[in-house]
Amino acid sequence: MALKLPQNSLLGSQSDSQRTLYPYVTGTSVVALKYKDGILMAADMGGQFIRIHPAVQECGASGEISDFQEILRYLNELILYDNMWDDGNSLGPKEVHNYLTRVMYNRRNKFNPLWNSLVLGGVKNGNKYLGTVRMIGVNFEDNHVATRFGNHLVRPILRQEWHENLSFEDGVKLLEKCMRVLLYRDRSAVNKLQIAKITEEGVTIHQPYSLKTYWEFSTFENPAQGAIGS
């Protein structure tokens, strides 16, 4: 006689666990920095995302698109729950960053991580906040942050050239320099980028535009010259 298991049994078909075994991880890096009046964030158009959210104001992400949609759903539920209290207080970017660090770490511990690296920025009561969290819960707050290859290739540039009195124009130039380095060095990067700005007055996401590049360097023309086995 065959053993018939109830539907809610541990071995029942409905208890099977689903995992993102083959995530569609796209794009390269999101780079963000504080400047004199607020926050600037840049991402190329090859799969990164910049979204305006009422709590964090600005959220940039690299990685799996559907997982980022899931994160936005979490944020929408969080803000709805916070608004239901109607107590005159509201969550700011720091609180949302702390919340997402717990979400990412919790999902990592369940061996079902959200395949994203996030950058969160905002200005509340005159205080600028910029932080990042990765798919396994690693997180920090800083004056400038970057995801994926940007964390290795452009953070040294930001450490050398960033200062707290950066104007909007100088901040944009610094971000363009970082994105150009990524374009030259990261095969996944594309030439078109988008920059977002946060101030006390609100958020502006500027139209995408293309970087000016120069590809006539000799190492670009014949990269294998002199290499062993070429």
C-alpha atoms as a PDB file:
ATOM      1  CA  MET A   1       0.000   0.000   0.000  1.00  0.00           C
ATOM      2  CA  ALA A   2       1.432   3.351  -1.023  1.00  0.00           C
ATOM      3  CA  LEU A   3       1.949   5.942   1.663  1.00  0.00           C
ATOM      4  CA  LYS A   4      -0.162   8.983   1.003  1.00  0.00           C
ATOM      5  CA  LEU A   5       1.307  12.150   2.412  1.00  0.00           C
ATOM      6  CA  PRO A   6      -0.801  15.158   3.340  1.00  0.00           C
ATOM      7  CA  GLN A   7      -0.344  18.222   1.150  1.00  0.00           C
ATOM      8  CA  ASN A   8       1.274  20.200   3.960  1.00  0.00           C
ATOM      9  CA  SER A   9       3.683  17.383   4.821  1.00  0.00           C
ATOM     10  CA  LEU A  10       7.417  18.024   4.872  1.00  0.00           C
ATOM     11  CA  LEU A  11       7.746  15.636   1.927  1.00  0.00           C
ATOM     12  CA  GLY A  12       4.674  16.873   0.107  1.00  0.00           C
ATOM     13  CA  SER A  13       4.987  18.536  -3.286  1.00  0.00           C
ATOM     14  CA  GLN A  14       3.695  21.884  -2.053  1.00  0.00           C
ATOM     15  CA  SER A  15       6.545  22.217   0.445  1.00  0.00           C
ATOM     16  CA  ASP A  16       9.225  22.212  -2.229  1.00  0.00           C
ATOM     17  CA  SER A  17      11.551  25.178  -1.884  1.00  0.00           C
ATOM     18  CA  GLN A  18      12.341  27.343  -4.882  1.00  0.00           C
ATOM     19  CA  ARG A  19      15.709  29.038  -5.373  1.00  0.00           C
ATOM     20  CA  THR A  20      17.227  31.351  -7.956  1.00  0.00           C
ATOM     21  CA  LEU A  21      19.708  28.780  -9.250  1.00  0.00           C
ATOM     22  CA  TYR A  22      20.603  30.626 -12.441  1.00  0.00           C
ATOM     23  CA  PRO A  23      20.164  34.345 -11.764  1.00  0.00           C
ATOM     24  CA  TYR A  24      20.175  36.707 -14.717  1.00  0.00           C
ATOM     25  CA  VAL A  25      22.781  39.076 -13.294  1.00  0.00           C
ATOM     26  CA  THR A  26      23.236  42.065 -15.567  1.00  0.00           C
ATOM     27  CA  GLY A  27      25.191  45.251 -15.774  1.00  0.00           C
ATOM     28  CA  THR A  28      28.283  46.619 -14.141  1.00  0.00           C
ATOM     29  CA  SER A  29      28.477  49.225 -11.403  1.00  0.00           C
ATOM     30  CA  VAL A  30      26.504  51.917  -9.640  1.00  0.00           C
ATOM     31  CA  VAL A  31      28.665  54.778  -8.319  1.00  0.00           C
ATOM     32  CA  ALA A  32      27.438  57.433  -5.872  1.00  0.00           C
ATOM     33  CA  LEU A  33      28.925  60.259  -3.841  1.00  0.00           C
ATOM     34  CA  LYS A  34      27.989  63.079  -1.530  1.00  0.00           C
ATOM     35  CA  TYR A  35      28.457  66.603  -2.843  1.00  0.00           C
ATOM     36  CA  LYS A  36      27.949  70.041  -1.347  1.00  0.00           C
ATOM     37  CA  ASP A  37      24.154  70.116  -1.674  1.00  0.00           C
ATOM     38  CA  GLY A  38      23.193  66.447  -1.587  1.00  0.00           C
ATOM     39  CA  ILE A  39      23.825  63.112  -3.283  1.00  0.00           C
ATOM     40  CA  LEU A  40      24.814  62.207  -6.860  1.00  0.00           C
ATOM     41  CA  MET A  41      24.393  58.700  -8.267  1.00  0.00           C
ATOM     42  CA  ALA A  42      25.441  57.327 -11.669  1.00  0.00           C
ATOM     43  CA  ALA A  43      24.722  54.082 -13.502  1.00  0.00           C
ATOM     44  CA  ASP A  44      25.182  53.044 -17.088  1.00  0.00           C
ATOM     45  CA  MET A  45      22.260  51.762 -19.139  1.00  0.00           C
ATOM     46  CA  GLY A  46      23.545  48.199 -19.406  1.00  0.00           C
ATOM     47  CA  GLY A  47      21.330  46.730 -16.716  1.00  0.00           C
ATOM     48  CA  GLN A  48      21.753  48.923 -13.620  1.00  0.00           C
ATOM     49  CA  PHE A  49      18.743  50.640 -12.111  1.00  0.00           C
ATOM     50  CA  ILE A  50      18.101  53.929 -10.357  1.00  0.00           C
ATOM     51  CA  ARG A  51      14.674  54.235  -8.743  1.00  0.00           C
ATOM     52  CA  ILE A  52      13.023  56.996  -6.743  1.00  0.00           C
ATOM     53  CA  HIS A  53      11.473  55.730  -3.518  1.00  0.00           C
ATOM     54  CA  PRO A  54       9.632  57.874  -0.932  1.00  0.00           C
ATOM     55  CA  ALA A  55      11.658  56.514   1.995  1.00  0.00           C
ATOM     56  CA  VAL A  56      15.176  56.221   0.698  1.00  0.00           C
ATOM     57  CA  GLN A  57      14.631  58.799  -2.092  1.00  0.00           C
ATOM     58  CA  GLU A  58      17.193  57.157  -4.341  1.00  0.00           C
ATOM     59  CA  CYS A  59      17.990  53.467  -4.728  1.00  0.00           C
ATOM     60  CA  GLY A  60      20.497  52.095  -7.216  1.00  0.00           C
ATOM     61  CA  ALA A  61      21.044  48.398  -7.877  1.00  0.00           C
ATOM     62  CA  SER A  62      23.232  46.020  -9.817  1.00  0.00           C
ATOM     63  CA  GLY A  63      22.267  42.420 -10.372  1.00  0.00           C
ATOM     64  CA  GLU A  64      19.151  40.350 -10.943  1.00  0.00           C
ATOM     65  CA  ILE A  65      16.177  42.376 -12.174  1.00  0.00           C
ATOM     66  CA  SER A  66      13.382  40.314 -10.609  1.00  0.00           C
ATOM     67  CA  ASP A  67      15.177  40.260  -7.241  1.00  0.00           C
ATOM     68  CA  PHE A  68      15.372  44.052  -7.328  1.00  0.00           C
ATOM     69  CA  GLN A  69      11.625  44.153  -8.022  1.00  0.00           C
ATOM     70  CA  GLU A  70      11.158  41.975  -4.936  1.00  0.00           C
ATOM     71  CA  ILE A  71      13.216  44.440  -2.882  1.00  0.00           C
ATOM     72  CA  LEU A  72      11.062  47.331  -4.113  1.00  0.00           C
ATOM     73  CA  ARG A  73       7.998  45.340  -3.055  1.00  0.00           C
ATOM     74  CA  TYR A  74       9.501  44.961   0.440  1.00  0.00           C
ATOM     75  CA  LEU A  75      10.100  48.708   0.573  1.00  0.00           C
ATOM     76  CA  ASN A  76       6.556  49.515  -0.512  1.00  0.00           C
ATOM     77  CA  GLU A  77       5.165  47.273   2.240  1.00  0.00           C
ATOM     78  CA  LEU A  78       7.511  48.867   4.779  1.00  0.00           C
ATOM     79  CA  ILE A  79       6.399  52.386   3.868  1.00  0.00           C
ATOM     80  CA  LEU A  80       2.725  51.393   3.905  1.00  0.00           C
ATOM     81  CA  TYR A  81       3.111  49.906   7.378  1.00  0.00           C
ATOM     82  CA  ASP A  82       4.995  52.999   8.581  1.00  0.00           C
ATOM     83  CA  ASN A  83       2.329  55.367   7.206  1.00  0.00           C
ATOM     84  CA  MET A  84      -0.446  53.427   8.912  1.00  0.00           C
ATOM     85  CA  TRP A  85       0.877  54.557  12.294  1.00  0.00           C
ATOM     86  CA  ASP A  86       0.237  58.197  11.316  1.00  0.00           C
ATOM     87  CA  ASP A  87       2.335  59.405  14.246  1.00  0.00           C
ATOM     88  CA  GLY A  88       4.128  62.256  12.503  1.00  0.00           C
ATOM     89  CA  ASN A  89       7.347  60.277  12.120  1.00  0.00           C
ATOM     90  CA  SER A  90       8.644  58.814   8.895  1.00  0.00           C
ATOM     91  CA  LEU A  91      11.437  56.478   7.937  1.00  0.00           C
ATOM     92  CA  GLY A  92      14.531  58.034   6.423  1.00  0.00           C
ATOM     93  CA  PRO A  93      17.345  56.647   4.271  1.00  0.00           C
ATOM     94  CA  LYS A  94      19.357  55.479   7.294  1.00  0.00           C
ATOM     95  CA  GLU A  95      16.475  53.452   8.687  1.00  0.00           C
ATOM     96  CA  VAL A  96      15.708  51.911   5.294  1.00  0.00           C
ATOM     97  CA  HIS A  97      19.381  51.048   4.803  1.00  0.00           C
ATOM     98  CA  ASN A  98      19.444  49.268   8.163  1.00  0.00           C
ATOM     99  CA  TYR A  99      16.259  47.414   7.234  1.00  0.00           C
ATOM    100  CA  LEU A 100      17.692  46.207   3.920  1.00  0.00           C
ATOM    101  CA  THR A 101      20.903  45.004   5.561  1.00  0.00           C
ATOM    102  CA  ARG A 102      18.734  42.702   7.710  1.00  0.00           C
ATOM    103  CA  VAL A 103      16.720  41.564   4.683  1.00  0.00           C
ATOM    104  CA  MET A 104      19.823  40.705   2.643  1.00  0.00           C
ATOM    105  CA  TYR A 105      21.542  38.938   5.536  1.00  0.00           C
ATOM    106  CA  ASN A 106      18.391  36.991   6.407  1.00  0.00           C
ATOM    107  CA  ARG A 107      17.975  35.774   2.836  1.00  0.00           C
ATOM    108  CA  ARG A 108      21.665  34.816   2.712  1.00  0.00           C
ATOM    109  CA  ASN A 109      21.249  32.700   5.861  1.00  0.00           C
ATOM    110  CA  LYS A 110      18.360  30.875   4.201  1.00  0.00           C
ATOM    111  CA  PHE A 111      20.638  30.073   1.234  1.00  0.00           C
ATOM    112  CA  ASN A 112      18.245  32.040  -0.957  1.00  0.00           C
ATOM    113  CA  PRO A 113      20.006  35.388  -1.413  1.00  0.00           C
ATOM    114  CA  LEU A 114      18.692  38.328  -3.373  1.00  0.00           C
ATOM    115  CA  TRP A 115      21.253  38.679  -6.187  1.00  0.00           C
ATOM    116  CA  ASN A 116      21.720  42.433  -5.909  1.00  0.00           C
ATOM    117  CA  SER A 117      24.177  45.035  -4.697  1.00  0.00           C
ATOM    118  CA  LEU A 118      22.312  48.122  -3.527  1.00  0.00           C
ATOM    119  CA  VAL A 119      23.216  51.789  -3.122  1.00  0.00           C
ATOM    120  CA  LEU A 120      20.865  53.910  -1.009  1.00  0.00           C
ATOM    121  CA  GLY A 121      20.998  57.664  -0.679  1.00  0.00           C
ATOM    122  CA  GLY A 122      18.858  60.447   0.682  1.00  0.00           C
ATOM    123  CA  VAL A 123      18.717  63.793   2.450  1.00  0.00           C
ATOM    124  CA  LYS A 124      16.558  64.189   5.556  1.00  0.00           C
ATOM    125  CA  ASN A 125      16.473  67.220   7.848  1.00  0.00           C
ATOM    126  CA  GLY A 126      19.579  68.558   6.155  1.00  0.00           C
ATOM    127  CA  ASN A 127      21.584  65.372   6.774  1.00  0.00           C
ATOM    128  CA  LYS A 128      23.028  63.564   3.748  1.00  0.00           C
ATOM    129  CA  TYR A 129      23.111  59.781   3.927  1.00  0.00           C
ATOM    130  CA  LEU A 130      24.761  57.322   1.559  1.00  0.00           C
ATOM    131  CA  GLY A 131      25.173  53.599   2.139  1.00  0.00           C
ATOM    132  CA  THR A 132      25.494  50.282   0.357  1.00  0.00           C
ATOM    133  CA  VAL A 133      24.593  46.658   1.038  1.00  0.00           C
ATOM    134  CA  ARG A 134      25.582  43.542  -0.899  1.00  0.00           C
ATOM    135  CA  MET A 135      23.835  40.244  -1.469  1.00  0.00           C
ATOM    136  CA  ILE A 136      25.324  38.510   1.581  1.00  0.00           C
ATOM    137  CA  GLY A 137      24.607  41.400   3.943  1.00  0.00           C
ATOM    138  CA  VAL A 138      27.976  43.200   3.869  1.00  0.00           C
ATOM    139  CA  ASN A 139      27.156  46.885   4.355  1.00  0.00           C
ATOM    140  CA  PHE A 140      28.657  50.240   5.227  1.00  0.00           C
ATOM    141  CA  GLU A 141      28.029  53.976   5.085  1.00  0.00           C
ATOM    142  CA  ASP A 142      30.538  56.320   3.424  1.00  0.00           C
ATOM    143  CA  ASN A 143      30.958  59.595   1.545  1.00  0.00           C
ATOM    144  CA  HIS A 144      31.220  57.641  -1.715  1.00  0.00           C
ATOM    145  CA  VAL A 145      30.260  54.072  -2.613  1.00  0.00           C
ATOM    146  CA  ALA A 146      30.287  51.786  -5.654  1.00  0.00           C
ATOM    147  CA  THR A 147      29.035  48.316  -6.512  1.00  0.00           C
ATOM    148  CA  ARG A 148      30.678  45.359  -8.281  1.00  0.00           C
ATOM    149  CA  PHE A 149      33.843  46.244 -10.269  1.00  0.00           C
ATOM    150  CA  GLY A 150      33.419  49.876  -9.293  1.00  0.00           C
ATOM    151  CA  ASN A 151      34.266  48.936  -5.725  1.00  0.00           C
ATOM    152  CA  HIS A 152      37.724  47.891  -6.952  1.00  0.00           C
ATOM    153  CA  LEU A 153      38.409  50.175  -9.909  1.00  0.00           C
ATOM    154  CA  VAL A 154      36.968  53.581  -8.982  1.00  0.00           C
ATOM    155  CA  ARG A 155      37.039  53.751  -5.188  1.00  0.00           C
ATOM    156  CA  PRO A 156      40.776  54.670  -5.317  1.00  0.00           C
ATOM    157  CA  ILE A 157      39.889  57.567  -7.649  1.00  0.00           C
ATOM    158  CA  LEU A 158      37.116  58.698  -5.314  1.00  0.00           C
ATOM    159  CA  ARG A 159      39.388  58.494  -2.264  1.00  0.00           C
ATOM    160  CA  GLN A 160      41.932  60.708  -4.006  1.00  0.00           C
ATOM    161  CA  GLU A 161      39.675  63.310  -5.625  1.00  0.00           C
ATOM    162  CA  TRP A 162      36.528  63.510  -3.490  1.00  0.00           C
ATOM    163  CA  HIS A 163      36.058  66.327  -0.979  1.00  0.00           C
ATOM    164  CA  GLU A 164      32.987  67.446   0.944  1.00  0.00           C
ATOM    165  CA  ASN A 165      32.692  70.817  -0.835  1.00  0.00           C
ATOM    166  CA  LEU A 166      32.287  69.338  -4.314  1.00  0.00           C
ATOM    167  CA  SER A 167      30.010  71.439  -6.505  1.00  0.00           C
ATOM    168  CA  PHE A 168      27.354  69.801  -8.667  1.00  0.00           C
ATOM    169  CA  GLU A 169      29.467  70.318 -11.808  1.00  0.00           C
ATOM    170  CA  ASP A 170      32.629  68.880 -10.216  1.00  0.00           C
ATOM    171  CA  GLY A 171      30.662  65.962  -8.806  1.00  0.00           C
ATOM    172  CA  VAL A 172      29.266  65.109 -12.236  1.00  0.00           C
ATOM    173  CA  LYS A 173      32.755  65.328 -13.779  1.00  0.00           C
ATOM    174  CA  LEU A 174      34.113  62.980 -11.116  1.00  0.00           C
ATOM    175  CA  LEU A 175      31.312  60.477 -11.725  1.00  0.00           C
ATOM    176  CA  GLU A 176      31.906  60.665 -15.484  1.00  0.00           C
ATOM    177  CA  LYS A 177      35.599  59.957 -14.929  1.00  0.00           C
ATOM    178  CA  CYS A 178      34.715  56.905 -12.843  1.00  0.00           C
ATOM    179  CA  MET A 179      32.204  55.618 -15.394  1.00  0.00           C
ATOM    180  CA  ARG A 180      34.748  56.124 -18.200  1.00  0.00           C
ATOM    181  CA  VAL A 181      37.325  54.025 -16.322  1.00  0.00           C
ATOM    182  CA  LEU A 182      34.716  51.301 -15.902  1.00  0.00           C
ATOM    183  CA  LEU A 183      33.841  51.501 -19.594  1.00  0.00           C
ATOM    184  CA  TYR A 184      37.476  50.969 -20.576  1.00  0.00           C
ATOM    185  CA  ARG A 185      38.116  48.170 -18.075  1.00  0.00           C
ATOM    186  CA  ASP A 186      34.836  46.285 -17.649  1.00  0.00           C
ATOM    187  CA  ARG A 187      33.595  44.342 -20.660  1.00  0.00           C
ATOM    188  CA  SER A 188      29.987  44.527 -19.384  1.00  0.00           C
ATOM    189  CA  ALA A 189      29.913  48.335 -19.250  1.00  0.00           C
ATOM    190  CA  VAL A 190      28.198  50.416 -21.919  1.00  0.00           C
ATOM    191  CA  ASN A 191      28.822  53.977 -23.088  1.00  0.00           C
ATOM    192  CA  LYS A 192      25.459  55.437 -22.087  1.00  0.00           C
ATOM    193  CA  LEU A 193      24.908  56.556 -18.503  1.00  0.00           C
ATOM    194  CA  GLN A 194      22.314  58.241 -16.314  1.00  0.00           C
ATOM    195  CA  ILE A 195      22.907  60.518 -13.331  1.00  0.00           C
ATOM    196  CA  ALA A 196      20.478  61.221 -10.497  1.00  0.00           C
ATOM    197  CA  LYS A 197      20.614  64.088  -7.998  1.00  0.00           C
ATOM    198  CA  ILE A 198      19.123  64.334  -4.508  1.00  0.00           C
ATOM    199  CA  THR A 199      18.791  67.554  -2.549  1.00  0.00           C
ATOM    200  CA  GLU A 200      16.555  68.729   0.277  1.00  0.00           C
ATOM    201  CA  GLU A 201      14.094  69.912  -2.379  1.00  0.00           C
ATOM    202  CA  GLY A 202      13.698  66.516  -4.058  1.00  0.00           C
ATOM    203  CA  VAL A 203      15.074  64.045  -6.573  1.00  0.00           C
ATOM    204  CA  THR A 204      15.986  64.607 -10.219  1.00  0.00           C
ATOM    205  CA  ILE A 205      16.920  61.763 -12.560  1.00  0.00           C
ATOM    206  CA  HIS A 206      18.512  63.293 -15.647  1.00  0.00           C
ATOM    207  CA  GLN A 207      18.104  61.944 -19.153  1.00  0.00           C
ATOM    208  CA  PRO A 208      20.675  59.344 -20.283  1.00  0.00           C
ATOM    209  CA  TYR A 209      23.593  60.538 -22.393  1.00  0.00           C
ATOM    210  CA  SER A 210      26.753  59.073 -23.930  1.00  0.00           C
ATOM    211  CA  LEU A 211      30.289  59.573 -22.679  1.00  0.00           C
ATOM    212  CA  LYS A 212      33.029  60.861 -24.941  1.00  0.00           C
ATOM    213  CA  THR A 213      35.656  58.138 -25.310  1.00  0.00           C
ATOM    214  CA  TYR A 214      39.021  57.653 -26.981  1.00  0.00           C
ATOM    215  CA  TRP A 215      39.988  54.225 -28.303  1.00  0.00           C
ATOM    216  CA  GLU A 216      43.180  55.029 -30.248  1.00  0.00           C
ATOM    217  CA  PHE A 217      45.551  53.911 -27.512  1.00  0.00           C
ATOM    218  CA  SER A 218      48.020  51.326 -28.819  1.00  0.00           C
ATOM    219  CA  THR A 219      47.074  48.800 -26.140  1.00  0.00           C
ATOM    220  CA  PHE A 220      43.448  49.031 -27.254  1.00  0.00           C
ATOM    221  CA  GLU A 221      44.378  48.517 -30.914  1.00  0.00           C
ATOM    222  CA  ASN A 222      46.441  45.380 -30.286  1.00  0.00           C
ATOM    223  CA  PRO A 223      45.851  44.183 -26.717  1.00  0.00           C
ATOM    224  CA  ALA A 224      47.531  40.789 -27.280  1.00  0.00           C
ATOM    225  CA  GLN A 225      50.819  42.220 -28.565  1.00  0.00           C
ATOM    226  CA  GLY A 226      53.687  40.868 -26.504  1.00  0.00           C
ATOM    227  CA  ALA A 227      51.491  38.478 -24.570  1.00  0.00           C
ATOM    228  CA  ILE A 228      52.765  34.955 -24.028  1.00  0.00           C
ATOM    229  CA  GLY A 229      51.263  32.574 -26.581  1.00  0.00           C
ATOM    230  CA  SER A 230      49.923  35.324 -28.861  1.00  0.00           C
END
